[in-house]
Amino acid sequence: MANDDAARDAAFEHLAECLHSYERLLRDNFASMARLQGAACEAQRLSGVGSTVGHQFLRAVTSSSVGITDALSHIADGHRLLEQLGKRLGYDVSAYGDGIKDPAPGFTTGSADPLHAAG
């Protein structure tokens, strides 16, 4: 029974590590995409290529960044599901970087949304 618990613990930890690793890859890809978009705009400006040609390339590149953004949203859903699974299995999900709670009241001033301030 102890071996089963140890194997389950190791599998859950590996799952959380893989999720975080995949999220880092997506964020790195998103950052690379932003650099590519900036380089495309700069090259178009400096080369005098017409806006129609430059825009077509930029649109094609930008479309792929929408896919990366969607994937990041799905990963956020995965974090929420991992948190629920971890709680059901009795894990401290905050140890995996999941389960970070909202800021305490008074963290922000005025009408600012604390979720935006924390993100």
N, C-alpha and C. Protein backbone atom coordinates (compact mmCIF):
# COMPACT_ATOMS: atom_id res chain seq x y z
N MET A 1 0.81 -1.19 0.00
CA MET A 1 0.00 0.00 0.00
C MET A 1 0.87 1.27 0.00
N ALA A 2 1.95 1.25 0.77
CA ALA A 2 2.84 2.41 0.81
C ALA A 2 3.50 2.64 -0.55
N ASN A 3 3.83 1.54 -1.23
CA ASN A 3 4.42 1.68 -2.57
C ASN A 3 3.43 2.30 -3.55
N ASP A 4 2.14 1.92 -3.41
CA ASP A 4 1.10 2.50 -4.26
C ASP A 4 0.99 4.00 -4.01
N ASP A 5 1.04 4.40 -2.73
CA ASP A 5 0.95 5.83 -2.39
C ASP A 5 2.16 6.59 -2.93
N ALA A 6 3.34 6.00 -2.82
CA ALA A 6 4.56 6.65 -3.32
C ALA A 6 4.50 6.78 -4.84
N ALA A 7 4.02 5.75 -5.52
CA ALA A 7 3.90 5.81 -6.97
C ALA A 7 2.88 6.85 -7.38
N ARG A 8 1.77 6.91 -6.67
CA ARG A 8 0.74 7.91 -6.96
C ARG A 8 1.29 9.31 -6.74
N ASP A 9 2.01 9.50 -5.62
CA ASP A 9 2.61 10.81 -5.33
C ASP A 9 3.58 11.22 -6.43
N ALA A 10 4.41 10.29 -6.85
CA ALA A 10 5.40 10.59 -7.90
C ALA A 10 4.71 10.90 -9.23
N ALA A 11 3.66 10.16 -9.53
CA ALA A 11 2.94 10.40 -10.79
C ALA A 11 2.27 11.76 -10.78
N PHE A 12 1.69 12.15 -9.66
CA PHE A 12 1.03 13.45 -9.57
C PHE A 12 2.04 14.57 -9.66
N GLU A 13 3.18 14.40 -9.01
CA GLU A 13 4.23 15.42 -9.08
C GLU A 13 4.75 15.55 -10.51
N HIS A 14 4.92 14.42 -11.18
CA HIS A 14 5.38 14.44 -12.57
C HIS A 14 4.35 15.14 -13.46
N LEU A 15 3.07 14.87 -13.22
CA LEU A 15 2.01 15.54 -13.98
C LEU A 15 2.10 17.05 -13.82
N ALA A 16 2.25 17.52 -12.58
CA ALA A 16 2.34 18.97 -12.34
C ALA A 16 3.58 19.56 -13.00
N GLU A 17 4.71 18.85 -12.92
CA GLU A 17 5.94 19.33 -13.56
C GLU A 17 5.77 19.43 -15.07
N CYS A 18 5.13 18.43 -15.68
CA CYS A 18 4.91 18.44 -17.13
C CYS A 18 3.98 19.59 -17.53
N LEU A 19 2.95 19.83 -16.74
CA LEU A 19 2.03 20.93 -17.04
C LEU A 19 2.76 22.26 -17.01
N HIS A 20 3.58 22.48 -15.98
CA HIS A 20 4.33 23.74 -15.88
C HIS A 20 5.37 23.86 -17.01
N SER A 21 6.00 22.75 -17.36
CA SER A 21 6.98 22.77 -18.45
C SER A 21 6.32 23.14 -19.77
N TYR A 22 5.17 22.55 -20.03
CA TYR A 22 4.44 22.85 -21.27
C TYR A 22 4.00 24.31 -21.29
N GLU A 23 3.55 24.81 -20.16
CA GLU A 23 3.14 26.21 -20.08
C GLU A 23 4.32 27.14 -20.37
N ARG A 24 5.49 26.81 -19.83
CA ARG A 24 6.68 27.64 -20.10
C ARG A 24 7.01 27.64 -21.59
N LEU A 25 6.90 26.47 -22.23
CA LEU A 25 7.15 26.40 -23.67
C LEU A 25 6.18 27.29 -24.46
N LEU A 26 4.91 27.25 -24.08
CA LEU A 26 3.92 28.09 -24.76
C LEU A 26 4.23 29.57 -24.56
N ARG A 27 4.60 29.94 -23.34
CA ARG A 27 4.92 31.35 -23.09
C ARG A 27 6.17 31.78 -23.86
N ASP A 28 7.16 30.89 -23.93
CA ASP A 28 8.35 31.19 -24.72
C ASP A 28 7.99 31.35 -26.19
N ASN A 29 7.12 30.49 -26.69
CA ASN A 29 6.68 30.60 -28.08
C ASN A 29 5.92 31.91 -28.31
N PHE A 30 5.10 32.28 -27.36
CA PHE A 30 4.34 33.52 -27.48
C PHE A 30 5.30 34.71 -27.51
N ALA A 31 6.32 34.70 -26.67
CA ALA A 31 7.31 35.78 -26.65
C ALA A 31 8.07 35.82 -27.97
N SER A 32 8.43 34.67 -28.50
CA SER A 32 9.12 34.63 -29.80
C SER A 32 8.23 35.19 -30.90
N MET A 33 6.95 34.89 -30.83
CA MET A 33 6.00 35.40 -31.82
C MET A 33 5.95 36.93 -31.76
N ALA A 34 5.94 37.46 -30.56
CA ALA A 34 5.90 38.93 -30.41
C ALA A 34 7.16 39.56 -31.01
N ARG A 35 8.31 38.92 -30.79
CA ARG A 35 9.55 39.44 -31.38
C ARG A 35 9.50 39.36 -32.91
N LEU A 36 8.95 38.27 -33.43
CA LEU A 36 8.81 38.13 -34.88
C LEU A 36 7.90 39.21 -35.45
N GLN A 37 6.80 39.48 -34.78
CA GLN A 37 5.88 40.52 -35.24
C GLN A 37 6.57 41.88 -35.25
N GLY A 38 7.32 42.17 -34.20
CA GLY A 38 8.05 43.43 -34.14
C GLY A 38 9.09 43.54 -35.24
N ALA A 39 9.81 42.45 -35.47
CA ALA A 39 10.83 42.44 -36.54
C ALA A 39 10.18 42.63 -37.91
N ALA A 40 9.02 42.02 -38.11
CA ALA A 40 8.32 42.17 -39.39
C ALA A 40 7.91 43.62 -39.62
N CYS A 41 7.40 44.26 -38.59
CA CYS A 41 6.99 45.67 -38.72
C CYS A 41 8.19 46.56 -38.99
N GLU A 42 9.28 46.31 -38.29
CA GLU A 42 10.49 47.11 -38.48
C GLU A 42 11.06 46.91 -39.89
N ALA A 43 11.10 45.66 -40.35
CA ALA A 43 11.62 45.38 -41.70
C ALA A 43 10.75 46.03 -42.76
N GLN A 44 9.46 45.97 -42.58
CA GLN A 44 8.55 46.61 -43.55
C GLN A 44 8.78 48.11 -43.58
N ARG A 45 8.90 48.72 -42.41
CA ARG A 45 9.09 50.16 -42.34
C ARG A 45 10.40 50.58 -43.01
N LEU A 46 11.46 49.85 -42.73
CA LEU A 46 12.78 50.23 -43.24
C LEU A 46 12.97 49.90 -44.72
N SER A 47 12.28 48.88 -45.21
CA SER A 47 12.49 48.47 -46.61
C SER A 47 11.57 49.18 -47.58
N GLY A 48 10.57 49.82 -47.07
CA GLY A 48 9.64 50.50 -47.95
C GLY A 48 8.67 49.56 -48.65
N VAL A 49 8.57 48.32 -48.18
CA VAL A 49 7.61 47.37 -48.75
C VAL A 49 6.21 47.93 -48.50
N GLY A 50 5.37 47.80 -49.49
CA GLY A 50 4.02 48.32 -49.37
C GLY A 50 3.27 47.72 -48.20
N SER A 51 2.37 48.49 -47.66
CA SER A 51 1.63 48.04 -46.49
C SER A 51 0.78 46.80 -46.77
N THR A 52 0.32 46.65 -47.99
CA THR A 52 -0.49 45.48 -48.33
C THR A 52 0.33 44.20 -48.20
N VAL A 53 1.52 44.19 -48.75
CA VAL A 53 2.38 43.01 -48.66
C VAL A 53 2.79 42.77 -47.21
N GLY A 54 3.23 43.79 -46.54
CA GLY A 54 3.63 43.65 -45.13
C GLY A 54 2.49 43.21 -44.25
N HIS A 55 1.32 43.74 -44.50
CA HIS A 55 0.15 43.39 -43.68
C HIS A 55 -0.22 41.92 -43.86
N GLN A 56 -0.12 41.41 -45.07
CA GLN A 56 -0.47 40.00 -45.31
C GLN A 56 0.44 39.07 -44.51
N PHE A 57 1.74 39.38 -44.50
CA PHE A 57 2.67 38.57 -43.72
C PHE A 57 2.35 38.69 -42.23
N LEU A 58 2.15 39.92 -41.78
CA LEU A 58 1.88 40.15 -40.36
C LEU A 58 0.59 39.45 -39.93
N ARG A 59 -0.41 39.48 -40.81
CA ARG A 59 -1.67 38.81 -40.48
C ARG A 59 -1.47 37.30 -40.34
N ALA A 60 -0.71 36.72 -41.25
CA ALA A 60 -0.45 35.28 -41.19
C ALA A 60 0.28 34.91 -39.91
N VAL A 61 1.27 35.69 -39.54
CA VAL A 61 2.04 35.43 -38.33
C VAL A 61 1.16 35.63 -37.09
N THR A 62 0.38 36.69 -37.09
CA THR A 62 -0.47 36.99 -35.94
C THR A 62 -1.52 35.92 -35.73
N SER A 63 -2.02 35.33 -36.79
CA SER A 63 -3.01 34.26 -36.66
C SER A 63 -2.47 33.11 -35.83
N SER A 64 -1.21 32.79 -36.00
CA SER A 64 -0.65 31.69 -35.21
C SER A 64 -0.51 32.07 -33.74
N SER A 65 -0.32 33.36 -33.45
CA SER A 65 -0.23 33.76 -32.04
C SER A 65 -1.58 33.63 -31.34
N VAL A 66 -2.66 33.74 -32.10
CA VAL A 66 -4.00 33.53 -31.51
C VAL A 66 -4.12 32.08 -31.04
N GLY A 67 -3.58 31.16 -31.82
CA GLY A 67 -3.59 29.75 -31.42
C GLY A 67 -2.81 29.52 -30.14
N ILE A 68 -1.67 30.19 -30.01
CA ILE A 68 -0.87 30.06 -28.79
C ILE A 68 -1.64 30.64 -27.60
N THR A 69 -2.30 31.77 -27.81
CA THR A 69 -3.10 32.37 -26.74
C THR A 69 -4.21 31.42 -26.31
N ASP A 70 -4.87 30.79 -27.27
CA ASP A 70 -5.92 29.81 -26.94
C ASP A 70 -5.32 28.65 -26.14
N ALA A 71 -4.15 28.19 -26.54
CA ALA A 71 -3.50 27.09 -25.83
C ALA A 71 -3.18 27.49 -24.40
N LEU A 72 -2.72 28.73 -24.19
CA LEU A 72 -2.45 29.21 -22.83
C LEU A 72 -3.73 29.24 -21.99
N SER A 73 -4.84 29.60 -22.61
CA SER A 73 -6.11 29.59 -21.90
C SER A 73 -6.51 28.18 -21.49
N HIS A 74 -6.27 27.23 -22.38
CA HIS A 74 -6.57 25.84 -22.04
C HIS A 74 -5.66 25.34 -20.93
N ILE A 75 -4.42 25.79 -20.91
CA ILE A 75 -3.50 25.41 -19.82
C ILE A 75 -4.00 25.97 -18.49
N ALA A 76 -4.54 27.18 -18.51
CA ALA A 76 -5.12 27.74 -17.28
C ALA A 76 -6.26 26.85 -16.79
N ASP A 77 -7.08 26.36 -17.71
CA ASP A 77 -8.14 25.41 -17.34
C ASP A 77 -7.52 24.15 -16.74
N GLY A 78 -6.42 23.70 -17.33
CA GLY A 78 -5.73 22.53 -16.80
C GLY A 78 -5.24 22.74 -15.38
N HIS A 79 -4.77 23.93 -15.08
CA HIS A 79 -4.34 24.24 -13.72
C HIS A 79 -5.50 24.12 -12.75
N ARG A 80 -6.66 24.65 -13.14
CA ARG A 80 -7.83 24.56 -12.26
C ARG A 80 -8.24 23.11 -12.04
N LEU A 81 -8.20 22.31 -13.09
CA LEU A 81 -8.55 20.90 -12.95
C LEU A 81 -7.51 20.15 -12.11
N LEU A 82 -6.24 20.49 -12.28
CA LEU A 82 -5.18 19.88 -11.47
C LEU A 82 -5.38 20.22 -10.00
N GLU A 83 -5.77 21.46 -9.73
CA GLU A 83 -6.01 21.86 -8.36
C GLU A 83 -7.14 21.03 -7.74
N GLN A 84 -8.22 20.84 -8.49
CA GLN A 84 -9.33 20.04 -7.98
C GLN A 84 -8.92 18.59 -7.75
N LEU A 85 -8.17 18.03 -8.69
CA LEU A 85 -7.69 16.66 -8.56
C LEU A 85 -6.79 16.54 -7.34
N GLY A 86 -5.88 17.48 -7.20
CA GLY A 86 -4.96 17.46 -6.05
C GLY A 86 -5.69 17.53 -4.74
N LYS A 87 -6.70 18.38 -4.64
CA LYS A 87 -7.47 18.48 -3.40
C LYS A 87 -8.17 17.17 -3.08
N ARG A 88 -8.72 16.54 -4.12
CA ARG A 88 -9.42 15.26 -3.90
C ARG A 88 -8.46 14.16 -3.46
N LEU A 89 -7.23 14.25 -3.91
CA LEU A 89 -6.23 13.25 -3.51
C LEU A 89 -5.52 13.63 -2.22
N GLY A 90 -5.83 14.80 -1.67
CA GLY A 90 -5.24 15.21 -0.40
C GLY A 90 -3.89 15.88 -0.51
N TYR A 91 -3.58 16.46 -1.66
CA TYR A 91 -2.30 17.14 -1.85
C TYR A 91 -2.41 18.62 -1.52
N ASP A 92 -1.29 19.19 -1.11
CA ASP A 92 -1.19 20.63 -0.97
C ASP A 92 -0.85 21.17 -2.36
N VAL A 93 -1.89 21.56 -3.10
CA VAL A 93 -1.68 21.96 -4.49
C VAL A 93 -0.87 23.23 -4.63
N SER A 94 -0.78 24.04 -3.59
CA SER A 94 0.02 25.26 -3.69
C SER A 94 1.50 24.92 -3.86
N ALA A 95 1.90 23.72 -3.48
CA ALA A 95 3.29 23.30 -3.64
C ALA A 95 3.66 23.16 -5.12
N TYR A 96 2.67 23.04 -5.98
CA TYR A 96 2.91 22.89 -7.40
C TYR A 96 2.71 24.20 -8.16
N GLY A 97 2.51 25.29 -7.44
CA GLY A 97 2.30 26.57 -8.10
C GLY A 97 0.86 26.80 -8.47
N ASP A 98 0.00 25.88 -8.11
CA ASP A 98 -1.43 26.02 -8.36
C ASP A 98 -2.11 26.34 -7.04
N GLY A 99 -3.28 26.89 -7.12
CA GLY A 99 -4.04 27.15 -5.91
C GLY A 99 -3.69 28.45 -5.23
N ILE A 100 -3.00 29.35 -5.91
CA ILE A 100 -2.70 30.65 -5.32
C ILE A 100 -4.00 31.42 -5.20
N LYS A 101 -4.28 31.88 -4.02
CA LYS A 101 -5.57 32.51 -3.76
C LYS A 101 -5.54 34.00 -4.12
N ASP A 102 -6.74 34.57 -4.20
CA ASP A 102 -6.88 35.99 -4.50
C ASP A 102 -6.21 36.83 -3.41
N PRO A 103 -5.78 38.04 -3.75
CA PRO A 103 -5.18 38.92 -2.75
C PRO A 103 -6.19 39.26 -1.66
N ALA A 104 -5.66 39.59 -0.50
CA ALA A 104 -6.51 39.96 0.63
C ALA A 104 -7.25 41.26 0.30
N PRO A 105 -8.46 41.43 0.87
CA PRO A 105 -9.17 42.71 0.66
C PRO A 105 -8.28 43.88 1.08
N GLY A 106 -8.39 44.96 0.36
CA GLY A 106 -7.57 46.13 0.67
C GLY A 106 -6.23 46.12 -0.05
N PHE A 107 -5.95 45.06 -0.79
CA PHE A 107 -4.70 44.99 -1.54
C PHE A 107 -4.63 46.08 -2.59
N THR A 108 -5.78 46.39 -3.16
CA THR A 108 -5.84 47.45 -4.16
C THR A 108 -6.66 48.61 -3.61
N THR A 109 -6.54 49.74 -4.24
CA THR A 109 -7.33 50.89 -3.84
C THR A 109 -8.33 51.24 -4.93
N GLY A 110 -9.36 51.93 -4.59
CA GLY A 110 -10.34 52.35 -5.58
C GLY A 110 -11.13 51.18 -6.10
N SER A 111 -11.48 51.26 -7.38
CA SER A 111 -12.34 50.23 -7.96
C SER A 111 -11.55 49.19 -8.74
N ALA A 112 -10.24 49.14 -8.56
CA ALA A 112 -9.42 48.18 -9.31
C ALA A 112 -9.80 46.76 -8.94
N ASP A 113 -9.77 45.90 -9.91
CA ASP A 113 -10.07 44.49 -9.71
C ASP A 113 -8.82 43.81 -9.17
N PRO A 114 -8.87 43.20 -7.97
CA PRO A 114 -7.68 42.57 -7.40
C PRO A 114 -7.10 41.46 -8.28
N LEU A 115 -7.94 40.80 -9.08
CA LEU A 115 -7.42 39.75 -9.95
C LEU A 115 -6.50 40.33 -11.01
N HIS A 116 -6.81 41.52 -11.50
CA HIS A 116 -5.93 42.15 -12.48
C HIS A 116 -4.63 42.61 -11.83
N ALA A 117 -4.72 43.09 -10.60
CA ALA A 117 -3.53 43.56 -9.91
C ALA A 117 -2.60 42.40 -9.59
N ALA A 118 -3.16 41.24 -9.30
CA ALA A 118 -2.34 40.09 -8.93
C ALA A 118 -1.74 39.41 -10.13
N GLY A 119 -2.39 39.51 -11.30
CA GLY A 119 -1.94 38.79 -12.49
C GLY A 119 -0.76 39.43 -13.08
